[in-house]
């Protein structure tokens, strides 16, 4: 499991202890995660969940993360405690997430961007690698000619 290809998150040997099911290979991990993610996707898209929750909240995102990875990882739904090859420094996660959620609320409340533009921004920022939220926002703003 320690071996990884470009684009895959490196797993330290001790992280194997955080698996809930018996996972031996990277393929096992990918299969378990994919099944868990599909279940979470079904949950997240249910109208009652979308109407009753603030999807731009830390509570919702942590709950979604737990549903996405909770049958695979013991730490699902919690902030990571080490740096990986993707995302921001683990110490900055809560700060950058707060900035993103505040912006999402503003964009939604003020119709700053179309729904498609908000989705692109949200996806890009959440999925961006090796950069912080402000850097990612500035990069995507330039590409979409969005106000900064």
Protein backbone atom coordinates (compact mmCIF):
# COMPACT_ATOMS: atom_id res chain seq x y z
CA UNK A 1 0.00 0.00 0.00
CA UNK A 2 2.95 2.32 0.49
CA UNK A 3 3.57 2.41 -3.27
CA UNK A 4 1.54 4.99 -5.12
CA UNK A 5 1.28 6.36 -8.64
CA UNK A 6 1.16 9.99 -9.70
CA UNK A 7 -2.05 11.58 -8.47
CA UNK A 8 -2.64 9.05 -5.72
CA UNK A 9 -2.37 10.07 -2.11
CA UNK A 10 0.61 8.50 -0.40
CA UNK A 11 -0.38 6.27 2.51
CA UNK A 12 2.05 5.81 5.34
CA UNK A 13 2.28 2.24 6.70
CA UNK A 14 0.76 3.33 10.03
CA UNK A 15 -2.29 4.73 8.20
CA UNK A 16 -3.27 1.15 7.37
CA UNK A 17 -4.34 0.85 10.99
CA UNK A 18 -7.06 3.43 10.29
CA UNK A 19 -8.88 1.16 7.83
CA UNK A 20 -12.22 -0.18 9.00
CA UNK A 21 -12.52 -3.11 6.54
CA UNK A 22 -9.68 -5.48 5.74
CA UNK A 23 -7.89 -3.67 2.92
CA UNK A 24 -4.76 -5.19 1.48
CA UNK A 25 -4.23 -3.55 -1.90
CA UNK A 26 -4.73 -0.10 -3.41
CA UNK A 27 -7.40 -1.70 -5.61
CA UNK A 28 -9.26 -2.86 -2.47
CA UNK A 29 -9.07 0.67 -1.10
CA UNK A 30 -10.37 2.19 -4.33
CA UNK A 31 -13.26 -0.30 -4.47
CA UNK A 32 -14.33 0.27 -0.86
CA UNK A 33 -14.07 4.05 -1.22
CA UNK A 34 -16.06 4.06 -4.48
CA UNK A 35 -18.89 2.02 -2.95
CA UNK A 36 -18.97 4.33 0.08
CA UNK A 37 -18.93 7.46 -2.12
CA UNK A 38 -21.87 6.19 -4.19
CA UNK A 39 -23.92 5.64 -1.02
CA UNK A 40 -23.06 9.15 0.16
CA UNK A 41 -24.01 10.60 -3.21
CA UNK A 42 -27.46 9.02 -2.98
CA UNK A 43 -27.88 10.37 0.57
CA UNK A 44 -26.71 13.87 -0.38
CA UNK A 45 -29.03 14.19 -3.35
CA UNK A 46 -32.20 13.32 -1.41
CA UNK A 47 -34.46 16.35 -1.43
CA UNK A 48 -35.16 16.20 2.30
CA UNK A 49 -31.42 16.37 3.05
CA UNK A 50 -30.81 19.24 0.66
CA UNK A 51 -33.78 21.19 2.03
CA UNK A 52 -33.10 20.60 5.71
CA UNK A 53 -29.36 21.24 5.78
CA UNK A 54 -27.11 24.16 5.05
CA UNK A 55 -24.97 22.54 2.37
CA UNK A 56 -22.51 25.44 2.71
CA UNK A 57 -21.69 24.54 6.32
CA UNK A 58 -18.84 22.78 8.02
CA UNK A 59 -21.36 20.46 9.70
CA UNK A 60 -22.81 19.36 6.35
CA UNK A 61 -19.42 18.89 4.70
CA UNK A 62 -18.03 16.88 7.64
CA UNK A 63 -21.20 14.77 7.65
CA UNK A 64 -20.89 14.21 3.90
CA UNK A 65 -17.20 13.31 4.28
CA UNK A 66 -18.09 10.81 7.00
CA UNK A 67 -20.72 9.27 4.75
CA UNK A 68 -18.24 9.19 1.84
CA UNK A 69 -15.45 7.48 3.76
CA UNK A 70 -16.93 6.28 7.06
CA UNK A 71 -17.03 2.61 6.11
CA UNK A 72 -13.37 2.75 5.06
CA UNK A 73 -11.48 5.14 7.38
CA UNK A 74 -11.80 5.64 11.15
CA UNK A 75 -11.05 9.37 10.73
CA UNK A 76 -13.81 10.03 8.18
CA UNK A 77 -15.60 13.31 8.85
CA UNK A 78 -12.64 14.78 10.73
CA UNK A 79 -9.88 17.09 9.58
CA UNK A 80 -6.68 15.32 8.69
CA UNK A 81 -3.72 15.60 11.03
CA UNK A 82 -0.89 15.30 8.52
CA UNK A 83 0.02 16.77 5.17
CA UNK A 84 -0.61 14.85 1.97
CA UNK A 85 0.39 15.38 -1.63
CA UNK A 86 -2.92 17.17 -2.25
CA UNK A 87 -4.63 20.15 -0.68
CA UNK A 88 -3.46 22.78 1.73
CA UNK A 89 -1.31 22.37 4.81
CA UNK A 90 -3.44 20.47 7.31
CA UNK A 91 -3.16 23.33 9.82
CA UNK A 92 -4.90 25.67 7.34
CA UNK A 93 -7.83 23.41 6.43
CA UNK A 94 -10.37 24.88 8.85
CA UNK A 95 -9.36 28.46 8.00
CA UNK A 96 -9.53 27.99 4.23
CA UNK A 97 -12.78 26.03 4.51
CA UNK A 98 -14.34 28.86 6.55
CA UNK A 99 -13.31 31.38 3.87
CA UNK A 100 -14.78 29.19 1.13
CA UNK A 101 -18.07 28.64 2.98
CA UNK A 102 -18.40 32.36 3.75
CA UNK A 103 -17.85 33.14 0.06
CA UNK A 104 -20.33 30.47 -1.03
CA UNK A 105 -22.97 31.95 1.26
CA UNK A 106 -22.33 35.43 -0.11
CA UNK A 107 -22.38 34.26 -3.73
CA UNK A 108 -25.64 32.38 -3.15
CA UNK A 109 -27.37 35.11 -1.12
CA UNK A 110 -26.40 37.84 -3.59
CA UNK A 111 -26.63 35.86 -6.85
CA UNK A 112 -23.06 36.91 -7.53
CA UNK A 113 -22.50 34.08 -9.99
CA UNK A 114 -24.72 31.75 -11.93
CA UNK A 115 -25.33 28.31 -10.45
CA UNK A 116 -22.90 26.84 -13.00
CA UNK A 117 -20.16 29.33 -12.09
CA UNK A 118 -20.63 28.65 -8.36
CA UNK A 119 -20.41 24.90 -8.99
CA UNK A 120 -17.22 25.35 -11.01
CA UNK A 121 -15.66 27.54 -8.33
CA UNK A 122 -16.65 25.20 -5.52
CA UNK A 123 -15.38 22.11 -7.34
CA UNK A 124 -12.14 23.78 -8.37
CA UNK A 125 -11.39 25.05 -4.88
CA UNK A 126 -12.28 21.79 -3.12
CA UNK A 127 -10.37 19.72 -5.67
CA UNK A 128 -7.39 22.02 -6.14
CA UNK A 129 -4.03 20.56 -5.38
CA UNK A 130 -0.93 22.10 -3.87
CA UNK A 131 -2.55 25.47 -3.37
CA UNK A 132 -4.54 27.41 -0.83
CA UNK A 133 -8.12 28.58 -1.23
CA UNK A 134 -7.20 32.23 -2.01
CA UNK A 135 -4.70 31.11 -4.66
CA UNK A 136 -7.21 28.73 -6.21
CA UNK A 137 -9.94 31.38 -6.21
CA UNK A 138 -7.64 33.91 -7.88
CA UNK A 139 -6.61 31.38 -10.53
CA UNK A 140 -10.17 30.39 -11.42
CA UNK A 141 -11.33 34.02 -11.29
CA UNK A 142 -8.80 34.93 -13.95
CA UNK A 143 -9.90 32.03 -16.17
CA UNK A 144 -13.60 32.85 -15.84
CA UNK A 145 -13.11 36.64 -15.77
CA UNK A 146 -14.88 36.77 -12.40
CA UNK A 147 -14.68 39.73 -10.04
CA UNK A 148 -12.10 39.30 -7.28
